[in-house]
N, C-alpha and C. Protein backbone atom coordinates (compact mmCIF):
# COMPACT_ATOMS: atom_id res chain seq x y z
N MET A 1 -9.33 -15.36 5.09
CA MET A 1 -8.65 -14.04 4.24
C MET A 1 -9.56 -12.96 4.14
N ARG A 2 -10.61 -13.40 4.39
CA ARG A 2 -11.91 -12.16 4.10
C ARG A 2 -11.90 -11.53 5.65
N ALA A 3 -11.74 -12.46 6.52
CA ALA A 3 -11.51 -11.81 7.79
C ALA A 3 -10.34 -10.69 8.01
N LYS A 4 -9.33 -11.01 7.85
CA LYS A 4 -8.09 -10.14 8.04
C LYS A 4 -8.55 -8.77 6.89
N VAL A 5 -8.92 -8.65 5.40
CA VAL A 5 -8.93 -7.25 4.98
C VAL A 5 -9.90 -6.80 5.81
N MET A 6 -11.06 -7.42 6.50
CA MET A 6 -12.03 -6.88 6.72
C MET A 6 -11.25 -5.50 8.66
N PHE A 7 -10.48 -6.76 9.05
CA PHE A 7 -9.90 -5.93 10.45
C PHE A 7 -8.56 -5.00 9.54
N THR A 8 -8.55 -4.97 8.49
CA THR A 8 -7.72 -4.11 8.10
C THR A 8 -8.41 -3.04 7.68
N ALA A 9 -9.59 -2.83 7.37
CA ALA A 9 -10.21 -1.45 6.47
C ALA A 9 -10.82 -1.23 8.25
N ALA A 10 -11.38 -2.21 8.62
CA ALA A 10 -11.79 -1.30 9.89
C ALA A 10 -10.66 -0.55 11.09
N ALA A 11 -9.33 -1.43 11.08
CA ALA A 11 -7.98 -0.68 11.62
C ALA A 11 -8.27 0.43 10.69
N LEU A 12 -8.12 0.78 9.52
CA LEU A 12 -7.47 1.52 8.88
C LEU A 12 -8.39 2.99 9.13
N ALA A 13 -9.69 2.40 8.98
CA ALA A 13 -10.66 3.60 9.09
C ALA A 13 -11.04 4.09 10.82
N TYR A 14 -10.70 3.51 11.57
CA TYR A 14 -10.61 3.71 13.33
C TYR A 14 -9.58 4.63 13.18
N ILE A 15 -8.47 4.77 12.52
CA ILE A 15 -7.19 5.50 12.89
C ILE A 15 -7.37 6.81 12.26
N LEU A 16 -7.84 6.70 10.90
CA LEU A 16 -8.22 7.62 10.08
C LEU A 16 -9.65 8.51 10.99
N ALA A 17 -10.22 8.22 11.40
CA ALA A 17 -11.38 8.59 12.20
C ALA A 17 -10.95 9.73 13.37
N TRP A 18 -9.79 9.31 13.69
CA TRP A 18 -9.20 10.27 15.19
C TRP A 18 -8.67 11.37 14.71
N PHE A 19 -8.05 11.58 13.38
CA PHE A 19 -7.89 12.74 12.78
C PHE A 19 -8.86 13.60 11.86
N LEU A 20 -9.66 12.73 11.69
CA LEU A 20 -11.02 13.70 10.16
C LEU A 20 -11.73 14.76 11.69
N PRO A 21 -12.58 15.74 11.46
CA PRO A 21 -13.27 16.57 12.07
C PRO A 21 -14.47 15.23 12.27
N THR A 22 -14.90 15.81 13.82
CA THR A 22 -16.16 14.52 14.05
C THR A 22 -17.03 15.28 14.57
N VAL A 23 -16.97 16.49 15.06
CA VAL A 23 -18.14 17.69 15.55
C VAL A 23 -17.83 19.17 15.10
N TYR A 24 -18.62 19.54 15.49
CA TYR A 24 -18.46 21.30 15.36
C TYR A 24 -19.49 21.49 16.59
N LEU A 25 -18.87 22.19 17.28
CA LEU A 25 -19.16 22.86 18.04
C LEU A 25 -18.43 24.65 18.26
N PRO A 26 -19.14 25.18 18.83
CA PRO A 26 -20.20 25.08 20.17
C PRO A 26 -21.54 25.55 19.50
N ASP A 27 -21.51 26.29 18.43
CA ASP A 27 -23.03 26.83 17.94
C ASP A 27 -23.26 25.37 17.15
N LEU A 28 -22.57 24.44 16.78
CA LEU A 28 -23.85 23.47 16.14
C LEU A 28 -23.84 23.39 14.51
N GLU A 29 -23.23 24.63 14.05
CA GLU A 29 -23.69 25.12 12.83
C GLU A 29 -22.40 24.70 12.07
N PRO A 30 -22.73 23.58 10.89
CA PRO A 30 -20.90 23.02 10.23
C PRO A 30 -20.41 24.54 9.49
N TRP A 31 -19.66 24.53 9.89
CA TRP A 31 -18.76 25.49 8.29
C TRP A 31 -19.21 26.80 9.12
N SER A 32 -19.73 27.16 10.40
CA SER A 32 -19.81 28.65 10.69
C SER A 32 -18.22 28.98 11.21
N ALA A 33 -18.38 30.17 11.25
CA ALA A 33 -17.47 31.16 11.47
C ALA A 33 -17.78 30.87 12.99
N ASP A 34 -18.24 30.62 13.58
CA ASP A 34 -18.05 30.20 15.24
C ASP A 34 -17.76 28.97 15.57
N SER A 35 -17.88 28.12 14.64
CA SER A 35 -17.88 26.85 15.14
C SER A 35 -16.15 26.37 15.61
N VAL A 36 -16.40 25.25 16.26
CA VAL A 36 -14.63 24.85 16.96
C VAL A 36 -14.90 23.63 16.17
N ILE A 37 -13.66 22.64 15.21
CA ILE A 37 -13.91 21.78 14.57
C ILE A 37 -13.04 20.94 15.37
N VAL A 38 -14.30 19.39 15.95
CA VAL A 38 -12.89 18.78 17.21
C VAL A 38 -13.13 17.75 16.42
N THR A 39 -12.21 16.70 15.93
CA THR A 39 -11.41 15.54 15.90
C THR A 39 -11.51 15.01 16.90
N GLY A 40 -11.45 13.50 16.11
CA GLY A 40 -11.75 12.22 16.76
C GLY A 40 -10.63 12.17 18.09
N TRP A 41 -9.65 12.49 17.73
CA TRP A 41 -9.05 12.01 19.28
C TRP A 41 -8.89 12.89 19.95
N GLU A 42 -9.83 14.31 19.98
CA GLU A 42 -10.25 15.51 20.93
C GLU A 42 -11.76 15.01 21.40
N ALA A 43 -12.86 14.61 20.82
CA ALA A 43 -13.69 14.23 21.01
C ALA A 43 -13.60 12.64 22.07
N THR A 44 -12.90 11.75 21.69
CA THR A 44 -12.52 10.75 22.75
C THR A 44 -12.22 11.47 24.47
N ARG A 45 -11.50 12.24 24.06
CA ARG A 45 -11.04 13.19 25.40
C ARG A 45 -12.10 13.69 25.92
N ALA A 46 -12.72 14.01 25.13
CA ALA A 46 -13.76 15.22 25.80
C ALA A 46 -14.87 14.27 26.32
N ALA A 47 -15.38 13.12 25.59
CA ALA A 47 -16.08 12.03 26.47
C ALA A 47 -15.36 11.73 27.53
N LEU A 48 -14.89 11.39 27.33
CA LEU A 48 -14.36 10.39 29.40
C LEU A 48 -13.84 11.75 29.92
N GLY A 49 -14.19 13.04 29.56
CA GLY A 49 -13.83 14.01 30.41
C GLY A 49 -15.10 13.79 31.77
N PRO A 50 -16.15 13.60 31.88
CA PRO A 50 -16.99 13.01 33.13
C PRO A 50 -15.96 12.46 34.29
N ILE A 51 -15.13 11.55 33.99
CA ILE A 51 -14.09 11.06 34.67
C ILE A 51 -13.50 11.45 35.68
N TRP A 52 -12.52 12.50 35.54
CA TRP A 52 -12.12 13.68 36.00
C TRP A 52 -12.55 15.12 36.54
N ARG A 53 -14.02 15.06 35.75
CA ARG A 53 -14.60 16.16 35.89
C ARG A 53 -15.79 16.27 35.94
N ALA A 54 -16.53 17.10 37.15
CA ALA A 54 -18.00 17.11 37.02
C ALA A 54 -18.62 18.56 37.31
N ASP A 55 -18.55 18.97 35.96
CA ASP A 55 -18.81 20.49 35.49
C ASP A 55 -20.65 20.44 35.37
N GLY A 56 -20.69 19.08 35.22
CA GLY A 56 -22.47 18.66 34.38
C GLY A 56 -22.42 19.35 32.70
N SER A 57 -21.56 19.00 32.12
CA SER A 57 -21.90 19.53 30.73
C SER A 57 -22.17 19.08 30.28
N LEU A 58 -22.51 17.08 30.15
CA LEU A 58 -23.22 16.34 29.16
C LEU A 58 -24.42 16.37 30.22
N ASP A 59 -25.48 17.08 30.28
CA ASP A 59 -26.40 17.02 30.70
C ASP A 59 -27.34 15.72 31.44
N GLY A 60 -26.43 15.45 32.72
CA GLY A 60 -26.98 14.55 33.25
C GLY A 60 -26.44 13.70 33.42
N PRO A 61 -26.63 12.10 34.57
CA PRO A 61 -25.52 10.94 34.66
C PRO A 61 -25.96 9.81 33.45
N LEU A 62 -27.00 10.22 32.92
CA LEU A 62 -27.12 9.22 31.71
C LEU A 62 -26.15 9.46 30.70
N ARG A 63 -26.46 10.50 30.38
CA ARG A 63 -25.19 11.09 29.13
C ARG A 63 -24.11 10.94 29.59
N ALA A 64 -23.53 11.03 30.55
CA ALA A 64 -22.33 11.42 30.93
C ALA A 64 -21.94 9.43 31.49
N THR A 65 -22.58 8.67 31.44
CA THR A 65 -22.22 7.28 31.36
C THR A 65 -22.05 7.20 29.99
N LEU A 66 -22.91 7.16 29.19
CA LEU A 66 -23.24 6.49 27.70
C LEU A 66 -21.74 7.61 27.21
N ALA A 67 -21.14 8.45 27.70
CA ALA A 67 -19.88 9.14 26.79
C ALA A 67 -19.01 8.53 27.53
N VAL A 68 -18.79 8.26 28.63
CA VAL A 68 -17.45 7.49 29.22
C VAL A 68 -17.34 6.15 28.53
N ALA A 69 -18.57 5.37 28.41
CA ALA A 69 -18.85 4.08 27.88
C ALA A 69 -18.18 4.11 26.24
N SER A 70 -18.81 5.00 26.19
CA SER A 70 -18.26 5.09 24.63
C SER A 70 -17.31 5.67 24.17
N GLY A 71 -16.65 6.50 25.44
CA GLY A 71 -14.81 6.65 25.14
C GLY A 71 -13.98 5.37 25.38
N LEU A 72 -14.47 4.56 26.67
CA LEU A 72 -13.65 3.60 26.67
C LEU A 72 -13.77 2.53 25.88
N SER A 73 -14.82 2.63 24.65
CA SER A 73 -14.86 1.67 23.97
C SER A 73 -14.06 1.45 22.61
N ASN A 74 -13.06 2.27 23.26
CA ASN A 74 -11.51 2.53 21.98
C ASN A 74 -10.71 1.69 22.57
N LEU A 75 -10.76 1.61 23.67
CA LEU A 75 -9.53 0.70 24.54
C LEU A 75 -10.05 -0.65 24.14
N LEU A 76 -11.41 -0.75 24.12
CA LEU A 76 -12.02 -2.25 24.01
C LEU A 76 -11.51 -2.75 22.56
N PHE A 77 -11.78 -1.41 21.10
CA PHE A 77 -11.61 -1.79 19.73
C PHE A 77 -9.77 -1.89 19.39
N VAL A 78 -9.16 -1.33 20.30
CA VAL A 78 -7.82 -1.38 20.34
C VAL A 78 -7.54 -3.03 20.86
N VAL A 79 -7.92 -3.01 21.67
CA VAL A 79 -7.86 -4.60 22.74
C VAL A 79 -8.12 -5.57 21.29
N ALA A 80 -8.99 -5.41 20.83
CA ALA A 80 -9.44 -6.32 19.73
C ALA A 80 -9.33 -7.23 18.59
N VAL A 81 -8.60 -5.51 18.12
CA VAL A 81 -7.58 -5.19 16.49
C VAL A 81 -6.12 -6.02 17.03
N LEU A 82 -5.41 -5.75 18.12
CA LEU A 82 -4.67 -6.48 18.18
C LEU A 82 -4.46 -8.12 18.42
N PHE A 83 -5.70 -8.46 19.28
CA PHE A 83 -5.81 -10.32 18.83
C PHE A 83 -6.50 -10.28 18.01
N ALA A 84 -7.05 -9.83 16.87
CA ALA A 84 -6.89 -10.11 15.40
C ALA A 84 -6.24 -10.82 14.98
N PHE A 85 -5.22 -9.12 15.14
CA PHE A 85 -3.91 -9.57 13.89
C PHE A 85 -2.48 -10.70 14.77
N TRP A 86 -2.65 -10.59 15.67
CA TRP A 86 -1.34 -11.26 16.51
C TRP A 86 -2.22 -12.34 17.40
N ARG A 87 -3.24 -12.69 17.29
CA ARG A 87 -3.41 -13.95 17.85
C ARG A 87 -4.85 -14.36 17.76
N PRO A 88 -5.26 -14.54 16.54
CA PRO A 88 -6.63 -14.28 15.67
C PRO A 88 -7.37 -16.29 16.50
N SER A 89 -6.34 -16.95 16.81
CA SER A 89 -7.47 -18.07 17.22
C SER A 89 -7.16 -18.00 19.10
N ARG A 90 -7.00 -16.67 19.53
CA ARG A 90 -7.34 -16.14 20.91
C ARG A 90 -8.49 -15.85 20.84
N ILE A 91 -9.63 -15.34 19.95
CA ILE A 91 -10.19 -14.56 20.10
C ILE A 91 -10.80 -15.47 20.96
N ALA A 92 -11.67 -14.21 22.28
CA ALA A 92 -12.49 -14.73 22.84
C ALA A 92 -14.24 -14.87 22.43
N PRO A 93 -15.40 -15.66 22.85
CA PRO A 93 -16.03 -15.65 22.06
C PRO A 93 -17.16 -14.77 22.47
N TRP A 94 -16.85 -14.20 23.44
CA TRP A 94 -17.49 -13.20 24.09
C TRP A 94 -17.25 -11.22 23.07
N LEU A 95 -15.97 -11.56 22.36
CA LEU A 95 -15.41 -10.45 21.82
C LEU A 95 -16.25 -10.09 20.75
N PRO A 96 -17.04 -10.78 19.90
CA PRO A 96 -17.80 -9.53 18.52
C PRO A 96 -19.20 -9.31 19.48
N TRP A 97 -19.63 -10.07 20.55
CA TRP A 97 -20.45 -9.67 20.85
C TRP A 97 -20.24 -8.16 21.65
N ALA A 98 -19.02 -8.04 22.16
CA ALA A 98 -18.79 -6.56 23.24
C ALA A 98 -18.64 -5.85 22.20
N ILE A 99 -17.95 -5.99 20.87
CA ILE A 99 -17.47 -4.38 20.15
C ILE A 99 -19.17 -4.10 19.42
N ALA A 100 -19.85 -5.56 19.16
CA ALA A 100 -21.36 -5.24 18.48
C ALA A 100 -21.83 -4.07 19.51
N MET A 101 -22.24 -4.59 20.81
CA MET A 101 -22.63 -3.50 22.02
C MET A 101 -22.09 -1.91 22.08
N ALA A 102 -20.85 -2.26 21.60
CA ALA A 102 -19.98 -1.09 21.32
C ALA A 102 -20.19 0.10 20.60
N ALA A 103 -20.34 -0.62 19.67
CA ALA A 103 -21.10 0.11 18.23
C ALA A 103 -22.28 0.49 18.82
N LEU A 104 -23.78 -0.22 19.22
CA LEU A 104 -24.96 0.29 19.88
C LEU A 104 -24.53 1.33 20.55
N ILE A 105 -23.72 1.62 21.81
CA ILE A 105 -23.58 2.49 22.66
C ILE A 105 -23.48 3.16 22.02
N ASN A 106 -22.26 3.49 21.12
CA ASN A 106 -21.69 4.43 20.62
C ASN A 106 -22.67 5.18 19.43
N THR A 107 -23.84 4.75 19.21
CA THR A 107 -24.74 5.26 18.69
C THR A 107 -25.09 6.30 18.99
N HIS A 108 -25.15 6.40 20.05
CA HIS A 108 -26.43 7.67 21.62
C HIS A 108 -26.15 8.87 20.59
N TRP A 109 -25.06 8.75 20.41
CA TRP A 109 -24.63 10.27 19.97
C TRP A 109 -25.50 10.69 18.36
N LEU A 110 -26.23 9.90 18.13
CA LEU A 110 -26.74 9.98 16.83
C LEU A 110 -28.76 10.33 17.21
N VAL A 111 -28.16 9.58 18.49
CA VAL A 111 -30.10 9.82 18.81
C VAL A 111 -30.30 10.36 19.54
N GLY A 112 -29.59 11.49 20.41
CA GLY A 112 -29.57 12.37 21.06
C GLY A 112 -30.40 13.76 20.90
N ASP A 113 -29.58 14.82 21.33
CA ASP A 113 -30.53 15.97 21.12
C ASP A 113 -30.07 16.42 19.41
N PRO A 114 -31.01 16.35 18.56
CA PRO A 114 -31.00 16.80 16.80
C PRO A 114 -29.90 17.50 16.72
N GLY A 115 -29.69 18.51 17.38
CA GLY A 115 -28.92 19.62 16.97
C GLY A 115 -27.28 19.37 17.20
N PHE A 116 -26.98 18.26 18.37
CA PHE A 116 -25.65 17.51 18.18
C PHE A 116 -25.74 17.02 16.95
N ARG A 117 -26.76 16.02 16.58
CA ARG A 117 -26.69 15.34 15.46
C ARG A 117 -26.34 15.36 14.16
N SER A 118 -27.29 16.83 14.01
CA SER A 118 -26.70 17.41 13.07
C SER A 118 -24.86 18.34 12.82
N SER A 119 -24.17 18.53 13.72
CA SER A 119 -23.43 18.91 14.33
C SER A 119 -22.14 17.34 13.93
N LEU A 120 -22.49 15.97 13.79
CA LEU A 120 -21.71 15.33 13.84
C LEU A 120 -20.91 15.71 12.53
N SER A 121 -19.85 15.03 11.87
CA SER A 121 -18.97 15.39 10.65
C SER A 121 -18.56 13.74 10.68
N ALA A 122 -17.60 13.69 9.08
CA ALA A 122 -17.26 12.71 8.75
C ALA A 122 -16.50 11.76 9.77
N GLY A 123 -15.77 12.36 10.69
CA GLY A 123 -14.93 11.39 11.75
C GLY A 123 -15.78 10.37 12.30
N TYR A 124 -16.79 10.93 13.00
CA TYR A 124 -17.92 10.02 13.66
C TYR A 124 -18.48 9.03 13.13
N TYR A 125 -18.62 9.41 11.79
CA TYR A 125 -19.48 8.18 11.02
C TYR A 125 -18.54 7.25 10.60
N LEU A 126 -17.13 7.61 10.04
CA LEU A 126 -16.17 6.70 9.86
C LEU A 126 -16.07 5.83 10.88
N TRP A 127 -15.70 6.49 12.59
CA TRP A 127 -15.69 5.74 13.58
C TRP A 127 -16.32 5.08 13.53
N LEU A 128 -17.59 5.31 14.06
CA LEU A 128 -19.02 4.10 13.90
C LEU A 128 -18.67 3.14 13.07
N ALA A 129 -18.65 3.35 11.86
CA ALA A 129 -18.08 2.54 10.88
C ALA A 129 -17.13 0.84 10.82
N SER A 130 -16.00 1.73 11.90
CA SER A 130 -14.98 0.75 12.21
C SER A 130 -15.15 0.05 12.95
N PHE A 131 -16.43 0.18 14.26
CA PHE A 131 -16.88 -0.88 14.89
C PHE A 131 -17.52 -1.66 14.52
N VAL A 132 -19.18 -1.43 13.60
CA VAL A 132 -19.66 -2.28 12.55
C VAL A 132 -18.30 -3.37 11.64
N LEU A 133 -17.59 -2.81 11.09
CA LEU A 133 -16.31 -3.33 10.33
C LEU A 133 -16.11 -4.75 11.14
N LEU A 134 -15.23 -3.99 12.36
CA LEU A 134 -14.47 -5.05 13.25
C LEU A 134 -15.35 -5.94 13.78
N THR A 135 -16.55 -5.97 14.25
CA THR A 135 -17.91 -6.63 14.52
C THR A 135 -18.07 -7.81 13.42
N ILE A 136 -18.56 -7.50 12.34
CA ILE A 136 -18.04 -8.63 11.19
C ILE A 136 -17.34 -9.34 11.40
N ALA A 137 -16.02 -8.50 11.22
CA ALA A 137 -14.61 -9.16 11.23
C ALA A 137 -14.19 -10.37 11.73
N LEU A 138 -14.58 -10.03 13.14
CA LEU A 138 -14.68 -10.75 14.53
C LEU A 138 -15.58 -12.22 14.25
N PHE A 139 -16.67 -12.10 14.16
CA PHE A 139 -17.83 -12.99 13.56
C PHE A 139 -17.53 -13.83 12.44
N TRP A 140 -16.77 -13.09 11.36
CA TRP A 140 -15.94 -14.09 10.48
C TRP A 140 -15.06 -14.79 10.69
N GLN A 141 -14.09 -14.38 11.72
CA GLN A 141 -13.31 -15.50 12.26
C GLN A 141 -13.38 -15.97 13.28
N ARG A 142 -14.49 -16.08 13.92
CA ARG A 142 -15.15 -17.10 14.75
C ARG A 142 -15.23 -18.26 14.11
N GLY A 143 -15.93 -17.99 12.98
CA GLY A 143 -16.95 -18.72 11.67
C GLY A 143 -18.43 -19.53 12.24
N PRO A 144 -18.70 -19.57 11.27
CA PRO A 144 -20.12 -20.79 11.43
C PRO A 144 -20.19 -21.76 12.82
N GLY A 145 -19.09 -22.10 12.96
CA GLY A 145 -19.22 -23.70 14.15
C GLY A 145 -19.04 -22.93 15.44
N HIS A 146 -18.88 -21.88 15.35
CA HIS A 146 -18.77 -21.05 16.72
C HIS A 146 -20.13 -20.45 17.10
N ALA A 147 -21.05 -20.66 16.24
CA ALA A 147 -22.51 -20.23 17.08
C ALA A 147 -23.35 -20.67 18.21
N ALA A 148 -22.92 -21.80 18.54
CA ALA A 148 -22.91 -22.16 20.04
C ALA A 148 -22.73 -21.12 20.84
N ASN A 149 -21.82 -20.42 21.03
CA ASN A 149 -21.07 -19.82 21.63
C ASN A 149 -21.45 -18.42 21.79
N SER A 150 -22.73 -18.03 21.17
CA SER A 150 -23.11 -17.26 20.89
C SER A 150 -24.71 -16.57 22.04
N PRO A 151 -24.44 -15.63 22.99
CA PRO A 151 -25.41 -15.50 23.56
C PRO A 151 -27.34 -15.44 22.99
N THR A 152 -27.29 -15.64 22.24
CA THR A 152 -28.63 -15.98 22.10
C THR A 152 -28.94 -17.55 21.63
N ALA A 153 -28.09 -18.17 21.62
CA ALA A 153 -27.93 -19.61 21.09
C ALA A 153 -28.51 -20.12 22.50
N ALA A 154 -29.46 -21.41 22.34
CA ALA A 154 -30.35 -22.13 23.31
C ALA A 154 -29.53 -23.25 23.79
């Protein structure tokens, strides 16, 4: 029961984050007259940009790779939530770990350029929290009897 509540909270946080301000661009000053407010879905589209354009806007291949991985993590999130709601008994043992890794990858927006970090807004933090909530819910759903399936188990 508690896993179902957590799945619901993760899904609601995720959906809400798609429509909230995620980042302020281009001058990186929140609520400046020159700022452009980017919502979650627009940020995802921008993160996936290196797939179809090579304009170097993300400062090198590492940042571009992390941005694309972050954008693709949304697909993983949706698949995980769908399995959690409609096929909870079929959750693969690797899925909670994959969502945890996606959450870790998604933190790269925080540890990069300090100017960019200060431009992040509520939508980003809610989106990141939704991955953490989903990770917890998936581990709860799998239960303590599945610890032997963890990648760190001896």
